Amino acid sequence: MDYVNLGRTGLKVSRICLGMMSYGDKRVLPWALDEAEARPHLKKAWEAGINFFDSADAYSNGASEEILGRAVKELGMARDSVVIATKVYFPTGAKPNQRGLSKKHIRAAIDGSLKRLGLDHVDLYQIHRFDIHTPLEETIEALDDVVRAGKALHIGASSMYAWQFMKALALQEKHGWARFISMQNHYNLIYREEEREMIPLCASEGVGVIPWSPLARGFLAGGRARDGKGESARASTDPFANLMYRSDDFDVVDAVGAVATARGLPHAQIALAWLLARAGVTAPIVGATKEKHLDDAIAAAALKLTSDEMAALEAPYKPHPVLGHTYGDAIEEMARRRAQR
């Protein structure tokens, strides 16, 4: 496993980041793995050299962070070697101040995350989305407070418009506040709109890019069909995917399949190898509900595609509207579920 600096920092991360959304509570996410099912995956990842793990307080009502925190201790992940990331924004309860990026919520959220993780600090604390209801200055100052309190070493951002991200970076520079070192954005062979503005901005500003959904929620792994159905548990219980991707995106899947067949390799390895070869990409955040998913991600980190293969994979792409900055009513739905428990 190769390691690279995250942004302009000295923090070394593996080229693959294991996403923790796949592990948690089946009552919240039917396709999630519980702790007993998740533990072999975390062990395999750590032993393969993956040192970068990304969670969020909203994943399975915090169960994801609890699973990760116990794994760090029980699997002997040396704290000076493992890189723990988590996120704040989505609801952590049904009350109005239990969501978003206000100073009040950020202060409560970081303490809640650290308690669930069983740690005194995280290496990377990220805003899960952009909060249009809170003054940006308030959010940025609150994140600086988290860093100054020693509860996070670095801060990062996630899906938003490039102008919003640049405004945040400018405010951090103006006030001498802790600076965003990473951008966790929606980027894969099916959705490449980030290449227009966000990725060039990150390259210019020295911000590491750690894409989420690198396999387009299973589309690029061959886990879905043109009729909207799929063989995996996630494919059959993930309504967001059918809202985010279109039938003509399967032309890209076919291109992946052609290269995969010629190479004698799984779809997932080809799609991830393409992403890892893109300029500016530090570490895709890979979800794994089967051990073969981890095997494919680890193998992809060492796979090199030819220029002709890269061109063939990119040729069928068609522009998309902006996808992934918001989930509409998802926030309210998450809050509703919490209130019922």
Protein backbone atom coordinates (compact mmCIF):
# COMPACT_ATOMS: atom_id res chain seq x y z
CA MET A 1 0.00 0.00 0.00
CA ASP A 2 1.31 3.42 -0.94
CA TYR A 3 0.93 6.45 1.33
CA VAL A 4 0.64 10.10 0.33
CA ASN A 5 0.32 13.43 2.11
CA LEU A 6 -3.23 14.66 2.64
CA GLY A 7 -3.26 18.10 1.07
CA ARG A 8 -0.35 20.28 2.09
CA THR A 9 -0.07 18.66 5.51
CA GLY A 10 2.44 16.09 6.67
CA LEU A 11 -0.36 13.64 7.45
CA LYS A 12 0.28 10.38 5.56
CA VAL A 13 -2.76 8.44 4.40
CA SER A 14 -3.16 5.23 2.43
CA ARG A 15 -4.33 5.56 -1.19
CA ILE A 16 -7.51 3.78 -0.14
CA CYS A 17 -9.76 5.06 2.65
CA LEU A 18 -12.27 2.65 4.18
CA GLY A 19 -15.69 4.27 4.51
CA MET A 20 -17.55 3.35 7.68
CA MET A 21 -21.10 4.01 6.43
CA SER A 22 -21.27 0.30 5.55
CA TYR A 23 -21.01 -0.67 9.23
CA GLY A 24 -23.62 0.11 11.83
CA ASP A 25 -27.24 -0.66 12.59
CA LYS A 26 -29.47 -2.67 10.24
CA ARG A 27 -32.53 -0.95 11.73
CA VAL A 28 -31.29 2.29 10.17
CA LEU A 29 -29.62 0.92 7.03
CA PRO A 30 -30.86 -2.55 6.04
CA TRP A 31 -27.68 -3.28 4.07
CA ALA A 32 -25.25 -2.22 6.83
CA LEU A 33 -23.10 -4.82 8.57
CA ASP A 34 -23.31 -5.10 12.34
CA GLU A 35 -20.20 -5.09 14.51
CA ALA A 36 -19.54 -8.82 14.34
CA GLU A 37 -19.83 -8.74 10.55
CA ALA A 38 -17.78 -5.56 10.24
CA ARG A 39 -14.82 -6.59 12.39
CA PRO A 40 -13.20 -8.94 9.81
CA HIS A 41 -13.37 -6.14 7.24
CA LEU A 42 -11.63 -3.67 9.52
CA LYS A 43 -9.00 -6.25 10.43
CA LYS A 44 -8.37 -7.09 6.78
CA ALA A 45 -8.10 -3.41 5.84
CA TRP A 46 -5.64 -2.64 8.63
CA GLU A 47 -3.49 -5.68 7.87
CA ALA A 48 -3.44 -4.74 4.17
CA GLY A 49 -1.97 -1.34 5.04
CA ILE A 50 -5.09 0.82 4.95
CA ASN A 51 -4.57 3.38 7.71
CA PHE A 52 -7.35 5.83 6.79
CA PHE A 53 -10.90 5.31 8.13
CA ASP A 54 -13.80 7.71 7.53
CA SER A 55 -16.99 7.78 9.62
CA ALA A 56 -19.71 10.31 10.54
CA ASP A 57 -21.90 10.95 13.55
CA ALA A 58 -24.98 10.41 11.36
CA TYR A 59 -24.01 6.93 10.21
CA SER A 60 -26.41 4.49 11.89
CA ASN A 61 -27.15 6.98 14.67
CA GLY A 62 -23.52 6.93 15.78
CA ALA A 63 -23.13 3.13 15.77
CA SER A 64 -20.54 3.41 12.99
CA GLU A 65 -18.27 5.53 15.18
CA GLU A 66 -18.69 3.13 18.09
CA ILE A 67 -17.70 0.16 15.90
CA LEU A 68 -14.65 2.02 14.60
CA GLY A 69 -13.57 3.16 18.05
CA ARG A 70 -13.69 -0.34 19.52
CA ALA A 71 -11.85 -1.75 16.49
CA VAL A 72 -9.01 0.74 16.93
CA LYS A 73 -8.42 -0.55 20.45
CA GLU A 74 -9.19 -4.24 20.05
CA LEU A 75 -7.32 -4.72 16.77
CA GLY A 76 -4.27 -2.92 18.11
CA MET A 77 -4.36 -0.05 15.62
CA ALA A 78 -1.52 2.14 16.86
CA ARG A 79 -2.96 5.62 17.45
CA ASP A 80 0.16 7.26 16.02
CA SER A 81 -0.34 5.30 12.78
CA VAL A 82 -4.09 5.14 12.18
CA VAL A 83 -5.89 8.16 10.69
CA ILE A 84 -9.43 8.62 12.00
CA ALA A 85 -11.86 10.94 10.24
CA THR A 86 -15.46 11.75 11.04
CA LYS A 87 -18.06 14.30 10.02
CA VAL A 88 -20.72 16.69 11.32
CA TYR A 89 -23.87 18.25 9.77
CA PHE A 90 -26.70 15.73 9.47
CA PRO A 91 -29.14 15.32 12.39
CA THR A 92 -28.00 13.67 15.59
CA GLY A 93 -31.48 14.01 17.07
CA ALA A 94 -34.92 15.42 16.33
CA LYS A 95 -34.42 18.82 18.03
CA PRO A 96 -33.65 21.95 15.95
CA ASN A 97 -30.15 22.46 17.36
CA GLN A 98 -29.14 18.84 16.77
CA ARG A 99 -28.22 19.37 13.14
CA GLY A 100 -26.36 21.72 10.84
CA LEU A 101 -23.15 23.66 11.36
CA SER A 102 -23.97 26.13 14.10
CA LYS A 103 -21.38 26.71 16.82
CA LYS A 104 -23.73 25.04 19.29
CA HIS A 105 -24.16 21.88 17.25
CA ILE A 106 -20.49 21.58 16.28
CA ARG A 107 -19.42 21.84 19.92
CA ALA A 108 -21.87 19.13 20.98
CA ALA A 109 -21.20 16.98 17.92
CA ILE A 110 -17.42 16.76 18.31
CA ASP A 111 -17.80 15.76 21.95
CA GLY A 112 -20.37 13.13 21.01
CA SER A 113 -18.14 11.73 18.27
CA LEU A 114 -15.10 11.53 20.55
CA LYS A 115 -17.15 9.75 23.21
CA ARG A 116 -18.43 7.17 20.73
CA LEU A 117 -14.97 6.69 19.23
CA GLY A 118 -13.35 6.48 22.65
CA LEU A 119 -10.65 8.94 21.57
CA ASP A 120 -9.40 12.29 22.80
CA HIS A 121 -9.06 13.65 19.26
CA VAL A 122 -9.72 12.81 15.62
CA ASP A 123 -7.20 13.38 12.86
CA LEU A 124 -9.69 14.90 10.43
CA TYR A 125 -13.00 16.56 11.33
CA GLN A 126 -15.16 17.35 8.31
CA ILE A 127 -18.33 19.27 7.59
CA HIS A 128 -20.61 16.75 5.91
CA ARG A 129 -22.35 19.35 3.73
CA PHE A 130 -22.60 23.15 3.39
CA ASP A 131 -25.11 24.72 5.79
CA ILE A 132 -27.06 27.50 4.08
CA HIS A 133 -28.90 28.29 7.32
CA THR A 134 -25.83 29.21 9.39
CA PRO A 135 -23.44 32.13 8.75
CA LEU A 136 -20.27 30.72 7.26
CA GLU A 137 -18.14 32.76 9.68
CA GLU A 138 -19.84 31.04 12.62
CA THR A 139 -19.12 27.59 11.21
CA ILE A 140 -15.50 28.33 10.35
CA GLU A 141 -14.80 29.88 13.76
CA ALA A 142 -16.42 26.91 15.52
CA LEU A 143 -14.19 24.51 13.59
CA ASP A 144 -11.16 26.57 14.53
CA ASP A 145 -12.26 26.27 18.17
CA VAL A 146 -12.32 22.47 17.77
CA VAL A 147 -8.75 22.47 16.48
CA ARG A 148 -7.49 24.89 19.13
CA ALA A 149 -9.09 22.71 21.82
CA GLY A 150 -7.04 19.77 20.57
CA LYS A 151 -10.12 17.75 19.62
CA ALA A 152 -9.13 17.56 15.93
CA LEU A 153 -5.76 17.88 14.23
CA HIS A 154 -7.17 19.01 10.89
CA ILE A 155 -10.49 19.98 9.32
CA GLY A 156 -12.00 19.10 5.97
CA ALA A 157 -15.08 19.83 3.89
CA SER A 158 -17.48 17.84 1.75
CA SER A 159 -19.80 18.37 -1.21
CA MET A 160 -20.52 22.02 -2.02
CA TYR A 161 -20.09 24.49 -4.86
CA ALA A 162 -16.58 25.68 -5.65
CA TRP A 163 -17.50 29.29 -4.91
CA GLN A 164 -18.70 28.28 -1.44
CA PHE A 165 -15.48 26.41 -0.76
CA MET A 166 -13.33 29.30 -1.96
CA LYS A 167 -15.28 31.70 0.24
CA ALA A 168 -14.60 29.45 3.24
CA LEU A 169 -10.88 29.23 2.43
CA ALA A 170 -10.73 33.02 2.09
CA LEU A 171 -12.37 33.52 5.49
CA GLN A 172 -9.94 31.09 7.09
CA GLU A 173 -7.02 32.97 5.57
CA LYS A 174 -8.41 36.36 6.59
CA HIS A 175 -8.92 35.44 10.25
CA GLY A 176 -6.01 33.04 10.68
CA TRP A 177 -8.41 30.19 11.42
CA ALA A 178 -7.67 26.50 10.84
CA ARG A 179 -7.75 25.76 7.12
CA PHE A 180 -9.59 23.02 5.27
CA ILE A 181 -7.03 20.45 4.12
CA SER A 182 -9.37 18.10 2.26
CA MET A 183 -12.47 17.97 0.09
CA GLN A 184 -14.69 14.88 0.26
CA ASN A 185 -16.71 15.22 -2.93
CA HIS A 186 -18.88 13.13 -5.25
CA TYR A 187 -16.60 11.93 -8.03
CA ASN A 188 -16.49 8.80 -10.18
CA LEU A 189 -16.59 7.68 -13.82
CA ILE A 190 -20.35 8.30 -13.99
CA TYR A 191 -20.27 11.70 -12.26
CA ARG A 192 -17.34 13.90 -13.36
CA GLU A 193 -18.78 17.39 -12.96
CA GLU A 194 -16.26 18.05 -10.17
CA GLU A 195 -13.56 18.24 -12.85
CA ARG A 196 -14.97 21.58 -14.03
CA GLU A 197 -14.29 23.73 -10.95
CA MET A 198 -13.86 21.94 -7.63
CA ILE A 199 -10.92 19.70 -8.46
CA PRO A 200 -8.93 22.46 -10.19
CA LEU A 201 -9.63 24.67 -7.16
CA CYS A 202 -8.36 21.98 -4.80
CA ALA A 203 -5.22 21.52 -6.90
CA SER A 204 -4.60 25.28 -6.84
CA GLU A 205 -5.12 25.55 -3.08
CA GLY A 206 -3.27 22.39 -2.06
CA VAL A 207 -6.40 20.61 -0.82
CA GLY A 208 -6.51 16.82 -0.89
CA VAL A 209 -9.42 15.19 -2.74
CA ILE A 210 -10.98 12.13 -1.09
CA PRO A 211 -14.01 11.23 -3.25
CA TRP A 212 -17.10 9.53 -1.87
CA SER A 213 -19.09 6.98 -3.86
CA PRO A 214 -16.14 6.08 -6.12
CA LEU A 215 -18.17 3.18 -7.54
CA ALA A 216 -21.38 5.21 -7.91
CA ARG A 217 -23.23 3.26 -5.21
CA GLY A 218 -22.47 -0.04 -6.95
CA PHE A 219 -23.22 0.99 -10.53
CA LEU A 220 -19.59 0.81 -11.60
CA ALA A 221 -19.07 -2.51 -9.84
CA GLY A 222 -21.73 -4.10 -12.02
CA GLY A 223 -24.12 -4.40 -9.11
CA ARG A 224 -27.13 -2.88 -10.86
CA ALA A 225 -29.12 -3.41 -14.03
CA ARG A 226 -30.72 -1.07 -16.55
CA ASP A 227 -34.19 -1.90 -15.21
CA GLY A 228 -33.30 -0.25 -11.90
CA LYS A 229 -32.92 -3.49 -10.00
CA GLY A 230 -29.78 -5.05 -8.59
CA GLU A 231 -28.58 -8.20 -7.00
CA SER A 232 -26.97 -6.67 -3.90
CA ALA A 233 -28.82 -5.84 -0.69
CA ARG A 234 -27.76 -2.21 -1.00
CA ALA A 235 -28.91 -1.96 -4.61
CA SER A 236 -32.40 -3.12 -3.69
CA THR A 237 -32.74 -0.83 -0.63
CA ASP A 238 -30.99 2.35 -1.80
CA PRO A 239 -33.52 4.76 -3.35
CA PHE A 240 -31.00 7.60 -3.61
CA ALA A 241 -29.01 5.81 -6.30
CA ASN A 242 -31.93 5.70 -8.71
CA LEU A 243 -32.47 9.42 -8.11
CA MET A 244 -28.82 10.28 -8.73
CA TYR A 245 -27.98 8.21 -11.79
CA ARG A 246 -29.64 7.71 -15.19
CA SER A 247 -30.20 4.90 -17.65
CA ASP A 248 -27.59 6.27 -20.07
CA ASP A 249 -24.99 5.99 -17.30
CA PHE A 250 -24.97 2.28 -18.09
CA ASP A 251 -23.03 3.19 -21.25
CA VAL A 252 -20.15 4.02 -18.93
CA VAL A 253 -20.68 0.76 -17.06
CA ASP A 254 -20.46 -1.07 -20.38
CA ALA A 255 -17.14 0.64 -21.11
CA VAL A 256 -15.84 -0.46 -17.71
CA GLY A 257 -17.03 -3.96 -18.48
CA ALA A 258 -15.18 -4.02 -21.80
CA VAL A 259 -11.86 -3.03 -20.19
CA ALA A 260 -12.48 -5.40 -17.29
CA THR A 261 -13.16 -8.31 -19.66
CA ALA A 262 -10.04 -7.58 -21.69
CA ARG A 263 -7.98 -7.47 -18.51
CA GLY A 264 -9.71 -10.41 -16.87
CA LEU A 265 -10.43 -8.28 -13.81
CA PRO A 266 -13.55 -7.22 -11.88
CA HIS A 267 -15.37 -4.03 -12.85
CA ALA A 268 -14.60 -2.43 -9.49
CA GLN A 269 -10.84 -2.69 -9.90
CA ILE A 270 -10.97 -0.92 -13.26
CA ALA A 271 -13.25 1.90 -12.06
CA LEU A 272 -11.16 2.50 -8.93
CA ALA A 273 -7.88 2.37 -10.85
CA TRP A 274 -9.22 5.08 -13.16
CA LEU A 275 -10.11 7.29 -10.21
CA LEU A 276 -6.78 6.72 -8.47
CA ALA A 277 -5.00 7.82 -11.65
CA ARG A 278 -6.88 11.13 -11.88
CA ALA A 279 -4.87 14.23 -11.05
CA GLY A 280 -5.46 15.56 -7.56
CA VAL A 281 -7.15 12.47 -6.13
CA THR A 282 -5.63 11.44 -2.81
CA ALA A 283 -7.72 8.50 -1.63
CA PRO A 284 -11.17 7.32 -2.72
CA ILE A 285 -13.47 6.42 0.18
CA VAL A 286 -14.47 2.84 -0.47
CA GLY A 287 -17.42 1.09 1.15
CA ALA A 288 -17.20 -2.67 1.63
CA THR A 289 -20.00 -5.03 2.61
CA LYS A 290 -18.20 -8.10 1.27
CA GLU A 291 -14.54 -9.05 1.61
CA LYS A 292 -14.17 -9.09 -2.16
CA HIS A 293 -14.96 -5.36 -2.14
CA LEU A 294 -11.85 -4.82 -0.03
CA ASP A 295 -9.83 -7.17 -2.22
CA ASP A 296 -10.80 -5.15 -5.29
CA ALA A 297 -9.94 -1.83 -3.65
CA ILE A 298 -6.55 -3.04 -2.45
CA ALA A 299 -5.74 -4.49 -5.88
CA ALA A 300 -6.85 -1.29 -7.63
CA ALA A 301 -4.27 0.71 -5.68
CA ALA A 302 -1.54 -1.16 -7.56
CA LEU A 303 -3.27 -1.33 -10.95
CA LYS A 304 -2.09 0.93 -13.79
CA LEU A 305 -4.32 1.56 -16.79
CA THR A 306 -3.00 2.51 -20.21
CA SER A 307 -3.83 5.85 -21.83
CA ASP A 308 -6.02 4.02 -24.35
CA GLU A 309 -7.93 2.30 -21.55
CA MET A 310 -8.40 5.61 -19.72
CA ALA A 311 -9.72 7.21 -22.92
CA ALA A 312 -12.12 4.32 -23.58
CA LEU A 313 -13.52 4.59 -20.05
CA GLU A 314 -14.06 8.33 -20.37
CA ALA A 315 -15.55 8.40 -23.88
CA PRO A 316 -19.22 7.57 -23.03
CA TYR A 317 -19.56 10.25 -20.35
CA LYS A 318 -22.48 12.66 -20.59
CA PRO A 319 -22.80 15.81 -18.43
CA HIS A 320 -24.98 15.65 -15.33
CA PRO A 321 -26.77 18.19 -13.19
CA VAL A 322 -25.10 18.82 -9.83
CA LEU A 323 -25.52 15.70 -7.70
CA GLY A 324 -24.67 15.11 -4.09
CA HIS A 325 -24.60 18.57 -2.53
CA THR A 326 -27.93 17.97 -0.81
CA TYR A 327 -30.26 15.06 -0.25
CA GLY A 328 -33.46 17.08 -0.05
CA ASP A 329 -35.80 15.50 2.45
CA ALA A 330 -33.20 13.00 3.65
CA ILE A 331 -32.32 15.19 6.62
CA GLU A 332 -35.90 15.25 7.82
CA GLU A 333 -36.27 11.53 7.25
CA MET A 334 -33.19 10.80 9.35
CA ALA A 335 -34.52 13.01 12.13
CA ARG A 336 -37.92 11.31 11.97
CA ARG A 337 -36.34 7.87 12.39
CA ARG A 338 -34.38 9.03 15.41
CA ALA A 339 -37.51 10.47 17.02
CA GLN A 340 -39.29 7.10 16.64
CA ARG A 341 -36.56 5.14 18.41
